[in-house]
Amino acid sequence: MNDFESNEDELIRLLIDSWTALRAGTLGEDQQALLDRERPQWQCEAANLIAEGLLAYVTVEMVEPDLAHDRSIDPHDTPSPQDYAARLGAHMMDFVDYRGDLVKTRRLGTH
């Protein structure tokens, strides 16, 4: 791994760790002030990274197995791109719907 990739990996880790710490209420004020000053869009960057990762996870771990199962039942039933998008969207909406349940854990507040 070259230095650029290593630095990028470190930046990603910093953004994600800081974003989750902020939501858990454990991010130090000095660390947040530094991030806000040096990288004003850091929260958006972290949220985008998380969203892209979640999209990939849902696709690989949920949508593809769903479609493979459907193909095993009927090998001639090939889902259309619209079917694929609808299934992906339904899974993603499930995650969005969980937002209200986060408060129930009493470990993390809402931001």
PDB file of N, CA and C in Angstrom:
ATOM      1  N   MET A   1       0.857  -1.169   0.000  1.00  0.00           N
ATOM      2  CA  MET A   1       0.000   0.000   0.000  1.00  0.00           C
ATOM      3  C   MET A   1       0.903   1.231   0.000  1.00  0.00           C
ATOM      4  N   ASN A   2       0.602   2.166  -0.867  1.00  0.00           N
ATOM      5  CA  ASN A   2       1.419   3.375  -0.919  1.00  0.00           C
ATOM      6  C   ASN A   2       0.970   4.375   0.150  1.00  0.00           C
ATOM      7  N   ASP A   3       1.761   5.434   0.327  1.00  0.00           N
ATOM      8  CA  ASP A   3       1.479   6.414   1.367  1.00  0.00           C
ATOM      9  C   ASP A   3       0.130   7.087   1.169  1.00  0.00           C
ATOM     10  N   PHE A   4      -0.229   7.355  -0.106  1.00  0.00           N
ATOM     11  CA  PHE A   4      -1.523   8.002  -0.372  1.00  0.00           C
ATOM     12  C   PHE A   4      -2.670   7.128   0.121  1.00  0.00           C
ATOM     13  N   GLU A   5      -2.623   5.828  -0.209  1.00  0.00           N
ATOM     14  CA  GLU A   5      -3.689   4.928   0.229  1.00  0.00           C
ATOM     15  C   GLU A   5      -3.717   4.823   1.743  1.00  0.00           C
ATOM     16  N   SER A   6      -2.535   4.763   2.360  1.00  0.00           N
ATOM     17  CA  SER A   6      -2.454   4.686   3.809  1.00  0.00           C
ATOM     18  C   SER A   6      -3.046   5.935   4.447  1.00  0.00           C
ATOM     19  N   ASN A   7      -2.692   7.094   3.924  1.00  0.00           N
ATOM     20  CA  ASN A   7      -3.235   8.347   4.449  1.00  0.00           C
ATOM     21  C   ASN A   7      -4.741   8.432   4.232  1.00  0.00           C
ATOM     22  N   GLU A   8      -5.202   7.970   3.082  1.00  0.00           N
ATOM     23  CA  GLU A   8      -6.645   7.990   2.812  1.00  0.00           C
ATOM     24  C   GLU A   8      -7.380   7.050   3.766  1.00  0.00           C
ATOM     25  N   ASP A   9      -6.814   5.876   3.998  1.00  0.00           N
ATOM     26  CA  ASP A   9      -7.420   4.945   4.954  1.00  0.00           C
ATOM     27  C   ASP A   9      -7.475   5.542   6.355  1.00  0.00           C
ATOM     28  N   GLU A  10      -6.422   6.233   6.756  1.00  0.00           N
ATOM     29  CA  GLU A  10      -6.393   6.877   8.066  1.00  0.00           C
ATOM     30  C   GLU A  10      -7.431   7.988   8.150  1.00  0.00           C
ATOM     31  N   LEU A  11      -7.576   8.749   7.077  1.00  0.00           N
ATOM     32  CA  LEU A  11      -8.576   9.816   7.054  1.00  0.00           C
ATOM     33  C   LEU A  11      -9.981   9.225   7.159  1.00  0.00           C
ATOM     34  N   ILE A  12     -10.236   8.179   6.411  1.00  0.00           N
ATOM     35  CA  ILE A  12     -11.548   7.533   6.472  1.00  0.00           C
ATOM     36  C   ILE A  12     -11.828   7.050   7.887  1.00  0.00           C
ATOM     37  N   ARG A  13     -10.867   6.407   8.510  1.00  0.00           N
ATOM     38  CA  ARG A  13     -11.038   5.916   9.883  1.00  0.00           C
ATOM     39  C   ARG A  13     -11.319   7.084  10.830  1.00  0.00           C
ATOM     40  N   LEU A  14     -10.565   8.191  10.687  1.00  0.00           N
ATOM     41  CA  LEU A  14     -10.782   9.359  11.530  1.00  0.00           C
ATOM     42  C   LEU A  14     -12.190   9.912  11.350  1.00  0.00           C
ATOM     43  N   LEU A  15     -12.634  10.039  10.104  1.00  0.00           N
ATOM     44  CA  LEU A  15     -13.970  10.575   9.841  1.00  0.00           C
ATOM     45  C   LEU A  15     -15.058   9.687  10.434  1.00  0.00           C
ATOM     46  N   ILE A  16     -14.948   8.399  10.218  1.00  0.00           N
ATOM     47  CA  ILE A  16     -15.978   7.476  10.708  1.00  0.00           C
ATOM     48  C   ILE A  16     -15.970   7.412  12.230  1.00  0.00           C
ATOM     49  N   ASP A  17     -14.775   7.285  12.813  1.00  0.00           N
ATOM     50  CA  ASP A  17     -14.693   7.234  14.279  1.00  0.00           C
ATOM     51  C   ASP A  17     -15.225   8.520  14.908  1.00  0.00           C
ATOM     52  N   SER A  18     -14.915   9.651  14.304  1.00  0.00           N
ATOM     53  CA  SER A  18     -15.387  10.930  14.833  1.00  0.00           C
ATOM     54  C   SER A  18     -16.900  11.067  14.681  1.00  0.00           C
ATOM     55  N   TRP A  19     -17.414  10.644  13.544  1.00  0.00           N
ATOM     56  CA  TRP A  19     -18.857  10.731  13.289  1.00  0.00           C
ATOM     57  C   TRP A  19     -19.629   9.886  14.300  1.00  0.00           C
ATOM     58  N   THR A  20     -19.150   8.657  14.527  1.00  0.00           N
ATOM     59  CA  THR A  20     -19.852   7.785  15.478  1.00  0.00           C
ATOM     60  C   THR A  20     -19.684   8.297  16.907  1.00  0.00           C
ATOM     61  N   ALA A  21     -18.510   8.823  17.235  1.00  0.00           N
ATOM     62  CA  ALA A  21     -18.304   9.381  18.570  1.00  0.00           C
ATOM     63  C   ALA A  21     -19.220  10.582  18.804  1.00  0.00           C
ATOM     64  N   LEU A  22     -19.413  11.398  17.780  1.00  0.00           N
ATOM     65  CA  LEU A  22     -20.316  12.543  17.899  1.00  0.00           C
ATOM     66  C   LEU A  22     -21.721  12.070  18.241  1.00  0.00           C
ATOM     67  N   ARG A  23     -22.186  11.061  17.553  1.00  0.00           N
ATOM     68  CA  ARG A  23     -23.532  10.553  17.800  1.00  0.00           C
ATOM     69  C   ARG A  23     -23.661   9.863  19.151  1.00  0.00           C
ATOM     70  N   ALA A  24     -22.563   9.289  19.625  1.00  0.00           N
ATOM     71  CA  ALA A  24     -22.580   8.615  20.925  1.00  0.00           C
ATOM     72  C   ALA A  24     -22.339   9.597  22.068  1.00  0.00           C
ATOM     73  N   GLY A  25     -22.036  10.846  21.715  1.00  0.00           N
ATOM     74  CA  GLY A  25     -21.800  11.853  22.729  1.00  0.00           C
ATOM     75  C   GLY A  25     -20.428  11.760  23.374  1.00  0.00           C
ATOM     76  N   THR A  26     -19.480  11.117  22.687  1.00  0.00           N
ATOM     77  CA  THR A  26     -18.143  10.941  23.258  1.00  0.00           C
ATOM     78  C   THR A  26     -17.054  11.696  22.507  1.00  0.00           C
ATOM     79  N   LEU A  27     -17.417  12.442  21.491  1.00  0.00           N
ATOM     80  CA  LEU A  27     -16.415  13.207  20.746  1.00  0.00           C
ATOM     81  C   LEU A  27     -16.040  14.439  21.561  1.00  0.00           C
ATOM     82  N   GLY A  28     -14.759  14.583  21.827  1.00  0.00           N
ATOM     83  CA  GLY A  28     -14.303  15.736  22.595  1.00  0.00           C
ATOM     84  C   GLY A  28     -14.558  17.036  21.861  1.00  0.00           C
ATOM     85  N   GLU A  29     -14.845  18.069  22.630  1.00  0.00           N
ATOM     86  CA  GLU A  29     -15.114  19.378  22.028  1.00  0.00           C
ATOM     87  C   GLU A  29     -13.915  19.871  21.239  1.00  0.00           C
ATOM     88  N   ASP A  30     -12.713  19.610  21.741  1.00  0.00           N
ATOM     89  CA  ASP A  30     -11.511  20.056  21.038  1.00  0.00           C
ATOM     90  C   ASP A  30     -11.340  19.332  19.711  1.00  0.00           C
ATOM     91  N   GLN A  31     -11.639  18.029  19.694  1.00  0.00           N
ATOM     92  CA  GLN A  31     -11.544  17.259  18.446  1.00  0.00           C
ATOM     93  C   GLN A  31     -12.592  17.732  17.441  1.00  0.00           C
ATOM     94  N   GLN A  32     -13.809  17.972  17.904  1.00  0.00           N
ATOM     95  CA  GLN A  32     -14.847  18.461  17.003  1.00  0.00           C
ATOM     96  C   GLN A  32     -14.492  19.847  16.471  1.00  0.00           C
ATOM     97  N   ALA A  33     -13.991  20.710  17.326  1.00  0.00           N
ATOM     98  CA  ALA A  33     -13.614  22.057  16.881  1.00  0.00           C
ATOM     99  C   ALA A  33     -12.507  21.983  15.834  1.00  0.00           C
ATOM    100  N   LEU A  34     -11.557  21.102  16.038  1.00  0.00           N
ATOM    101  CA  LEU A  34     -10.465  20.941  15.073  1.00  0.00           C
ATOM    102  C   LEU A  34     -11.010  20.456  13.731  1.00  0.00           C
ATOM    103  N   LEU A  35     -11.859  19.444  13.760  1.00  0.00           N
ATOM    104  CA  LEU A  35     -12.450  18.931  12.520  1.00  0.00           C
ATOM    105  C   LEU A  35     -13.303  19.991  11.834  1.00  0.00           C
ATOM    106  N   ASP A  36     -14.122  20.675  12.612  1.00  0.00           N
ATOM    107  CA  ASP A  36     -14.988  21.716  12.044  1.00  0.00           C
ATOM    108  C   ASP A  36     -14.169  22.814  11.379  1.00  0.00           C
ATOM    109  N   ARG A  37     -13.027  23.138  11.969  1.00  0.00           N
ATOM    110  CA  ARG A  37     -12.180  24.206  11.423  1.00  0.00           C
ATOM    111  C   ARG A  37     -11.377  23.713  10.215  1.00  0.00           C
ATOM    112  N   GLU A  38     -10.762  22.543  10.332  1.00  0.00           N
ATOM    113  CA  GLU A  38      -9.853  22.055   9.295  1.00  0.00           C
ATOM    114  C   GLU A  38     -10.560  21.358   8.140  1.00  0.00           C
ATOM    115  N   ARG A  39     -11.725  20.805   8.411  1.00  0.00           N
ATOM    116  CA  ARG A  39     -12.448  20.050   7.387  1.00  0.00           C
ATOM    117  C   ARG A  39     -13.943  20.270   7.604  1.00  0.00           C
ATOM    118  N   PRO A  40     -14.442  21.452   7.239  1.00  0.00           N
ATOM    119  CA  PRO A  40     -15.815  21.838   7.580  1.00  0.00           C
ATOM    120  C   PRO A  40     -16.895  20.846   7.123  1.00  0.00           C
ATOM    121  N   GLN A  41     -16.644  20.114   6.080  1.00  0.00           N
ATOM    122  CA  GLN A  41     -17.645  19.171   5.566  1.00  0.00           C
ATOM    123  C   GLN A  41     -17.436  17.746   6.088  1.00  0.00           C
ATOM    124  N   TRP A  42     -16.696  17.590   7.173  1.00  0.00           N
ATOM    125  CA  TRP A  42     -16.321  16.255   7.627  1.00  0.00           C
ATOM    126  C   TRP A  42     -17.532  15.381   7.946  1.00  0.00           C
ATOM    127  N   GLN A  43     -18.570  15.950   8.510  1.00  0.00           N
ATOM    128  CA  GLN A  43     -19.746  15.140   8.842  1.00  0.00           C
ATOM    129  C   GLN A  43     -20.447  14.632   7.576  1.00  0.00           C
ATOM    130  N   CYS A  44     -20.520  15.463   6.556  1.00  0.00           N
ATOM    131  CA  CYS A  44     -21.107  15.041   5.284  1.00  0.00           C
ATOM    132  C   CYS A  44     -20.245  13.973   4.622  1.00  0.00           C
ATOM    133  N   GLU A  45     -18.928  14.154   4.678  1.00  0.00           N
ATOM    134  CA  GLU A  45     -18.025  13.149   4.118  1.00  0.00           C
ATOM    135  C   GLU A  45     -18.223  11.805   4.807  1.00  0.00           C
ATOM    136  N   ALA A  46     -18.281  11.830   6.128  1.00  0.00           N
ATOM    137  CA  ALA A  46     -18.469  10.590   6.881  1.00  0.00           C
ATOM    138  C   ALA A  46     -19.819   9.953   6.543  1.00  0.00           C
ATOM    139  N   ALA A  47     -20.866  10.755   6.503  1.00  0.00           N
ATOM    140  CA  ALA A  47     -22.196  10.229   6.194  1.00  0.00           C
ATOM    141  C   ALA A  47     -22.233   9.625   4.791  1.00  0.00           C
ATOM    142  N   ASN A  48     -21.565  10.251   3.831  1.00  0.00           N
ATOM    143  CA  ASN A  48     -21.514   9.697   2.474  1.00  0.00           C
ATOM    144  C   ASN A  48     -20.759   8.377   2.437  1.00  0.00           C
ATOM    145  N   LEU A  49     -19.637   8.310   3.146  1.00  0.00           N
ATOM    146  CA  LEU A  49     -18.885   7.049   3.206  1.00  0.00           C
ATOM    147  C   LEU A  49     -19.741   5.938   3.809  1.00  0.00           C
ATOM    148  N   ILE A  50     -20.435   6.269   4.873  1.00  0.00           N
ATOM    149  CA  ILE A  50     -21.296   5.277   5.528  1.00  0.00           C
ATOM    150  C   ILE A  50     -22.428   4.859   4.597  1.00  0.00           C
ATOM    151  N   ALA A  51     -23.043   5.827   3.924  1.00  0.00           N
ATOM    152  CA  ALA A  51     -24.136   5.504   3.004  1.00  0.00           C
ATOM    153  C   ALA A  51     -23.660   4.631   1.849  1.00  0.00           C
ATOM    154  N   GLU A  52     -22.495   4.947   1.299  1.00  0.00           N
ATOM    155  CA  GLU A  52     -21.955   4.125   0.204  1.00  0.00           C
ATOM    156  C   GLU A  52     -21.643   2.711   0.688  1.00  0.00           C
ATOM    157  N   GLY A  53     -21.081   2.615   1.884  1.00  0.00           N
ATOM    158  CA  GLY A  53     -20.788   1.295   2.447  1.00  0.00           C
ATOM    159  C   GLY A  53     -22.052   0.511   2.736  1.00  0.00           C
ATOM    160  N   LEU A  54     -23.052   1.181   3.272  1.00  0.00           N
ATOM    161  CA  LEU A  54     -24.319   0.524   3.558  1.00  0.00           C
ATOM    162  C   LEU A  54     -24.995   0.056   2.272  1.00  0.00           C
ATOM    163  N   LEU A  55     -24.937   0.868   1.241  1.00  0.00           N
ATOM    164  CA  LEU A  55     -25.496   0.484  -0.053  1.00  0.00           C
ATOM    165  C   LEU A  55     -24.806  -0.774  -0.587  1.00  0.00           C
ATOM    166  N   ALA A  56     -23.487  -0.798  -0.499  1.00  0.00           N
ATOM    167  CA  ALA A  56     -22.738  -1.976  -0.961  1.00  0.00           C
ATOM    168  C   ALA A  56     -23.091  -3.200  -0.116  1.00  0.00           C
ATOM    169  N   TYR A  57     -23.153  -3.025   1.174  1.00  0.00           N
ATOM    170  CA  TYR A  57     -23.481  -4.136   2.067  1.00  0.00           C
ATOM    171  C   TYR A  57     -24.862  -4.698   1.745  1.00  0.00           C
ATOM    172  N   VAL A  58     -25.837  -3.819   1.639  1.00  0.00           N
ATOM    173  CA  VAL A  58     -27.203  -4.274   1.354  1.00  0.00           C
ATOM    174  C   VAL A  58     -27.263  -4.993   0.012  1.00  0.00           C
ATOM    175  N   THR A  59     -26.557  -4.465  -0.975  1.00  0.00           N
ATOM    176  CA  THR A  59     -26.550  -5.091  -2.295  1.00  0.00           C
ATOM    177  C   THR A  59     -25.953  -6.489  -2.241  1.00  0.00           C
ATOM    178  N   VAL A  60     -24.780  -6.600  -1.622  1.00  0.00           N
ATOM    179  CA  VAL A  60     -24.060  -7.876  -1.608  1.00  0.00           C
ATOM    180  C   VAL A  60     -24.701  -8.888  -0.661  1.00  0.00           C
ATOM    181  N   GLU A  61     -25.102  -8.426   0.519  1.00  0.00           N
ATOM    182  CA  GLU A  61     -25.572  -9.346   1.556  1.00  0.00           C
ATOM    183  C   GLU A  61     -27.077  -9.582   1.563  1.00  0.00           C
ATOM    184  N   MET A  62     -27.847  -8.719   0.935  1.00  0.00           N
ATOM    185  CA  MET A  62     -29.297  -8.856   1.008  1.00  0.00           C
ATOM    186  C   MET A  62     -29.955  -8.985  -0.362  1.00  0.00           C
ATOM    187  N   VAL A  63     -29.661  -8.053  -1.262  1.00  0.00           N
ATOM    188  CA  VAL A  63     -30.340  -8.073  -2.560  1.00  0.00           C
ATOM    189  C   VAL A  63     -29.874  -9.246  -3.409  1.00  0.00           C
ATOM    190  N   GLU A  64     -28.564  -9.422  -3.537  1.00  0.00           N
ATOM    191  CA  GLU A  64     -28.063 -10.533  -4.358  1.00  0.00           C
ATOM    192  C   GLU A  64     -28.563 -11.887  -3.872  1.00  0.00           C
ATOM    193  N   PRO A  65     -28.534 -12.178  -2.563  1.00  0.00           N
ATOM    194  CA  PRO A  65     -29.102 -13.454  -2.108  1.00  0.00           C
ATOM    195  C   PRO A  65     -30.601 -13.587  -2.400  1.00  0.00           C
ATOM    196  N   ASP A  66     -31.338 -12.476  -2.262  1.00  0.00           N
ATOM    197  CA  ASP A  66     -32.770 -12.507  -2.613  1.00  0.00           C
ATOM    198  C   ASP A  66     -32.953 -12.925  -4.064  1.00  0.00           C
ATOM    199  N   LEU A  67     -32.183 -12.289  -4.946  1.00  0.00           N
ATOM    200  CA  LEU A  67     -32.316 -12.576  -6.376  1.00  0.00           C
ATOM    201  C   LEU A  67     -31.834 -13.979  -6.707  1.00  0.00           C
ATOM    202  N   ALA A  68     -30.766 -14.433  -6.044  1.00  0.00           N
ATOM    203  CA  ALA A  68     -30.285 -15.804  -6.264  1.00  0.00           C
ATOM    204  C   ALA A  68     -31.349 -16.807  -5.836  1.00  0.00           C
ATOM    205  N   HIS A  69     -32.019 -16.524  -4.747  1.00  0.00           N
ATOM    206  CA  HIS A  69     -33.101 -17.402  -4.284  1.00  0.00           C
ATOM    207  C   HIS A  69     -34.222 -17.432  -5.309  1.00  0.00           C
ATOM    208  N   ASP A  70     -34.610 -16.261  -5.798  1.00  0.00           N
ATOM    209  CA  ASP A  70     -35.662 -16.196  -6.812  1.00  0.00           C
ATOM    210  C   ASP A  70     -35.275 -16.989  -8.059  1.00  0.00           C
ATOM    211  N   ARG A  71     -34.016 -16.899  -8.473  1.00  0.00           N
ATOM    212  CA  ARG A  71     -33.555 -17.631  -9.657  1.00  0.00           C
ATOM    213  C   ARG A  71     -33.537 -19.136  -9.409  1.00  0.00           C
ATOM    214  N   SER A  72     -33.290 -19.533  -8.161  1.00  0.00           N
ATOM    215  CA  SER A  72     -33.286 -20.973  -7.874  1.00  0.00           C
ATOM    216  C   SER A  72     -34.698 -21.549  -7.948  1.00  0.00           C
ATOM    217  N   ILE A  73     -35.688 -20.723  -7.655  1.00  0.00           N
ATOM    218  CA  ILE A  73     -37.079 -21.167  -7.747  1.00  0.00           C
ATOM    219  C   ILE A  73     -37.532 -21.198  -9.200  1.00  0.00           C
ATOM    220  N   ASP A  74     -37.183 -20.160  -9.940  1.00  0.00           N
ATOM    221  CA  ASP A  74     -37.561 -20.069 -11.352  1.00  0.00           C
ATOM    222  C   ASP A  74     -36.385 -19.538 -12.157  1.00  0.00           C
ATOM    223  N   PRO A  75     -35.559 -20.428 -12.719  1.00  0.00           N
ATOM    224  CA  PRO A  75     -34.370 -19.995 -13.458  1.00  0.00           C
ATOM    225  C   PRO A  75     -34.678 -19.104 -14.660  1.00  0.00           C
ATOM    226  N   HIS A  76     -35.909 -19.110 -15.145  1.00  0.00           N
ATOM    227  CA  HIS A  76     -36.277 -18.288 -16.302  1.00  0.00           C
ATOM    228  C   HIS A  76     -36.761 -16.896 -15.906  1.00  0.00           C
ATOM    229  N   ASP A  77     -36.940 -16.683 -14.602  1.00  0.00           N
ATOM    230  CA  ASP A  77     -37.408 -15.381 -14.118  1.00  0.00           C
ATOM    231  C   ASP A  77     -36.202 -14.500 -13.829  1.00  0.00           C
ATOM    232  N   THR A  78     -35.867 -13.655 -14.790  1.00  0.00           N
ATOM    233  CA  THR A  78     -34.742 -12.735 -14.635  1.00  0.00           C
ATOM    234  C   THR A  78     -35.285 -11.386 -14.210  1.00  0.00           C
ATOM    235  N   PRO A  79     -34.875 -10.908 -13.029  1.00  0.00           N
ATOM    236  CA  PRO A  79     -35.399  -9.623 -12.581  1.00  0.00           C
ATOM    237  C   PRO A  79     -34.907  -8.480 -13.464  1.00  0.00           C
ATOM    238  N   SER A  80     -35.773  -7.528 -13.665  1.00  0.00           N
ATOM    239  CA  SER A  80     -35.415  -6.348 -14.453  1.00  0.00           C
ATOM    240  C   SER A  80     -34.612  -5.386 -13.580  1.00  0.00           C
ATOM    241  N   PRO A  81     -33.956  -4.412 -14.193  1.00  0.00           N
ATOM    242  CA  PRO A  81     -33.278  -3.386 -13.392  1.00  0.00           C
ATOM    243  C   PRO A  81     -34.244  -2.665 -12.445  1.00  0.00           C
ATOM    244  N   GLN A  82     -35.487  -2.506 -12.867  1.00  0.00           N
ATOM    245  CA  GLN A  82     -36.481  -1.867 -12.004  1.00  0.00           C
ATOM    246  C   GLN A  82     -36.789  -2.740 -10.787  1.00  0.00           C
ATOM    247  N   ASP A  83     -36.859  -4.068 -10.999  1.00  0.00           N
ATOM    248  CA  ASP A  83     -37.084  -4.986  -9.880  1.00  0.00           C
ATOM    249  C   ASP A  83     -35.925  -4.913  -8.889  1.00  0.00           C
ATOM    250  N   TYR A  84     -34.722  -4.897  -9.446  1.00  0.00           N
ATOM    251  CA  TYR A  84     -33.516  -4.823  -8.632  1.00  0.00           C
ATOM    252  C   TYR A  84     -33.517  -3.534  -7.814  1.00  0.00           C
ATOM    253  N   ALA A  85     -33.794  -2.412  -8.464  1.00  0.00           N
ATOM    254  CA  ALA A  85     -33.818  -1.119  -7.783  1.00  0.00           C
ATOM    255  C   ALA A  85     -34.908  -1.075  -6.723  1.00  0.00           C
ATOM    256  N   ALA A  86     -36.068  -1.643  -7.029  1.00  0.00           N
ATOM    257  CA  ALA A  86     -37.160  -1.655  -6.059  1.00  0.00           C
ATOM    258  C   ALA A  86     -36.787  -2.462  -4.823  1.00  0.00           C
ATOM    259  N   ARG A  87     -36.150  -3.588  -5.024  1.00  0.00           N
ATOM    260  CA  ARG A  87     -35.751  -4.422  -3.891  1.00  0.00           C
ATOM    261  C   ARG A  87     -34.682  -3.717  -3.059  1.00  0.00           C
ATOM    262  N   LEU A  88     -33.724  -3.105  -3.728  1.00  0.00           N
ATOM    263  CA  LEU A  88     -32.681  -2.356  -3.029  1.00  0.00           C
ATOM    264  C   LEU A  88     -33.301  -1.193  -2.254  1.00  0.00           C
ATOM    265  N   GLY A  89     -34.197  -0.479  -2.892  1.00  0.00           N
ATOM    266  CA  GLY A  89     -34.863   0.642  -2.227  1.00  0.00           C
ATOM    267  C   GLY A  89     -35.665   0.207  -1.020  1.00  0.00           C
ATOM    268  N   ALA A  90     -36.337  -0.939  -1.106  1.00  0.00           N
ATOM    269  CA  ALA A  90     -37.120  -1.440   0.025  1.00  0.00           C
ATOM    270  C   ALA A  90     -36.210  -1.762   1.213  1.00  0.00           C
ATOM    271  N   HIS A  91     -35.077  -2.394   0.941  1.00  0.00           N
ATOM    272  CA  HIS A  91     -34.130  -2.681   2.024  1.00  0.00           C
ATOM    273  C   HIS A  91     -33.601  -1.385   2.635  1.00  0.00           C
ATOM    274  N   MET A  92     -33.272  -0.426   1.813  1.00  0.00           N
ATOM    275  CA  MET A  92     -32.739   0.831   2.324  1.00  0.00           C
ATOM    276  C   MET A  92     -33.786   1.562   3.163  1.00  0.00           C
ATOM    277  N   MET A  93     -35.046   1.517   2.751  1.00  0.00           N
ATOM    278  CA  MET A  93     -36.106   2.149   3.537  1.00  0.00           C
ATOM    279  C   MET A  93     -36.256   1.468   4.894  1.00  0.00           C
ATOM    280  N   ASP A  94     -36.028   0.164   4.946  1.00  0.00           N
ATOM    281  CA  ASP A  94     -36.060  -0.528   6.236  1.00  0.00           C
ATOM    282  C   ASP A  94     -35.044   0.101   7.188  1.00  0.00           C
ATOM    283  N   PHE A  95     -33.842   0.394   6.673  1.00  0.00           N
ATOM    284  CA  PHE A  95     -32.820   1.016   7.507  1.00  0.00           C
ATOM    285  C   PHE A  95     -33.240   2.415   7.934  1.00  0.00           C
ATOM    286  N   VAL A  96     -33.812   3.172   7.016  1.00  0.00           N
ATOM    287  CA  VAL A  96     -34.261   4.525   7.349  1.00  0.00           C
ATOM    288  C   VAL A  96     -35.335   4.462   8.432  1.00  0.00           C
ATOM    289  N   ASP A  97     -36.221   3.491   8.345  1.00  0.00           N
ATOM    290  CA  ASP A  97     -37.293   3.360   9.325  1.00  0.00           C
ATOM    291  C   ASP A  97     -36.773   3.060  10.731  1.00  0.00           C
ATOM    292  N   TYR A  98     -35.597   2.481  10.838  1.00  0.00           N
ATOM    293  CA  TYR A  98     -35.029   2.166  12.144  1.00  0.00           C
ATOM    294  C   TYR A  98     -34.546   3.399  12.906  1.00  0.00           C
ATOM    295  N   ARG A  99     -34.416   4.526  12.248  1.00  0.00           N
ATOM    296  CA  ARG A  99     -33.890   5.711  12.914  1.00  0.00           C
ATOM    297  C   ARG A  99     -34.635   6.051  14.191  1.00  0.00           C
ATOM    298  N   GLY A 100     -35.944   5.923  14.182  1.00  0.00           N
ATOM    299  CA  GLY A 100     -36.736   6.233  15.368  1.00  0.00           C
ATOM    300  C   GLY A 100     -36.499   5.260  16.503  1.00  0.00           C
ATOM    301  N   ASP A 101     -36.018   4.058  16.189  1.00  0.00           N
ATOM    302  CA  ASP A 101     -35.766   3.064  17.220  1.00  0.00           C
ATOM    303  C   ASP A 101     -34.447   3.274  17.941  1.00  0.00           C
ATOM    304  N   LEU A 102     -33.583   4.120  17.416  1.00  0.00           N
ATOM    305  CA  LEU A 102     -32.276   4.327  18.014  1.00  0.00           C
ATOM    306  C   LEU A 102     -32.389   4.838  19.443  1.00  0.00           C
ATOM    307  N   VAL A 103     -33.352   5.696  19.697  1.00  0.00           N
ATOM    308  CA  VAL A 103     -33.535   6.256  21.033  1.00  0.00           C
ATOM    309  C   VAL A 103     -33.873   5.155  22.032  1.00  0.00           C
ATOM    310  N   LYS A 104     -34.515   4.098  21.577  1.00  0.00           N
ATOM    311  CA  LYS A 104     -34.896   3.006  22.475  1.00  0.00           C
ATOM    312  C   LYS A 104     -33.685   2.319  23.093  1.00  0.00           C
ATOM    313  N   THR A 105     -32.540   2.416  22.456  1.00  0.00           N
ATOM    314  CA  THR A 105     -31.360   1.757  23.006  1.00  0.00           C
ATOM    315  C   THR A 105     -30.835   2.477  24.243  1.00  0.00           C
ATOM    316  N   ARG A 106     -31.148   3.748  24.353  1.00  0.00           N
ATOM    317  CA  ARG A 106     -30.710   4.605  25.453  1.00  0.00           C
ATOM    318  C   ARG A 106     -29.191   4.703  25.551  1.00  0.00           C
ATOM    319  N   ARG A 107     -28.511   4.204  24.542  1.00  0.00           N
ATOM    320  CA  ARG A 107     -27.057   4.326  24.517  1.00  0.00           C
ATOM    321  C   ARG A 107     -26.634   5.459  23.603  1.00  0.00           C
ATOM    322  N   LEU A 108     -27.414   5.666  22.564  1.00  0.00           N
ATOM    323  CA  LEU A 108     -27.095   6.712  21.602  1.00  0.00           C
ATOM    324  C   LEU A 108     -28.290   7.645  21.478  1.00  0.00           C
ATOM    325  N   GLY A 109     -28.018   8.902  21.504  1.00  0.00           N
ATOM    326  CA  GLY A 109     -29.073   9.872  21.288  1.00  0.00           C
ATOM    327  C   GLY A 109     -29.259  10.104  19.801  1.00  0.00           C
ATOM    328  N   THR A 110     -30.183  10.951  19.475  1.00  0.00           N
ATOM    329  CA  THR A 110     -30.347  11.315  18.070  1.00  0.00           C
ATOM    330  C   THR A 110     -29.618  12.613  17.831  1.00  0.00           C
ATOM    331  N   HIS A 111     -29.105  12.756  16.638  1.00  0.00           N
ATOM    332  CA  HIS A 111     -28.346  13.956  16.300  1.00  0.00           C
ATOM    333  C   HIS A 111     -29.168  14.798  15.347  1.00  0.00           C
TER     334      HIS A 111
END
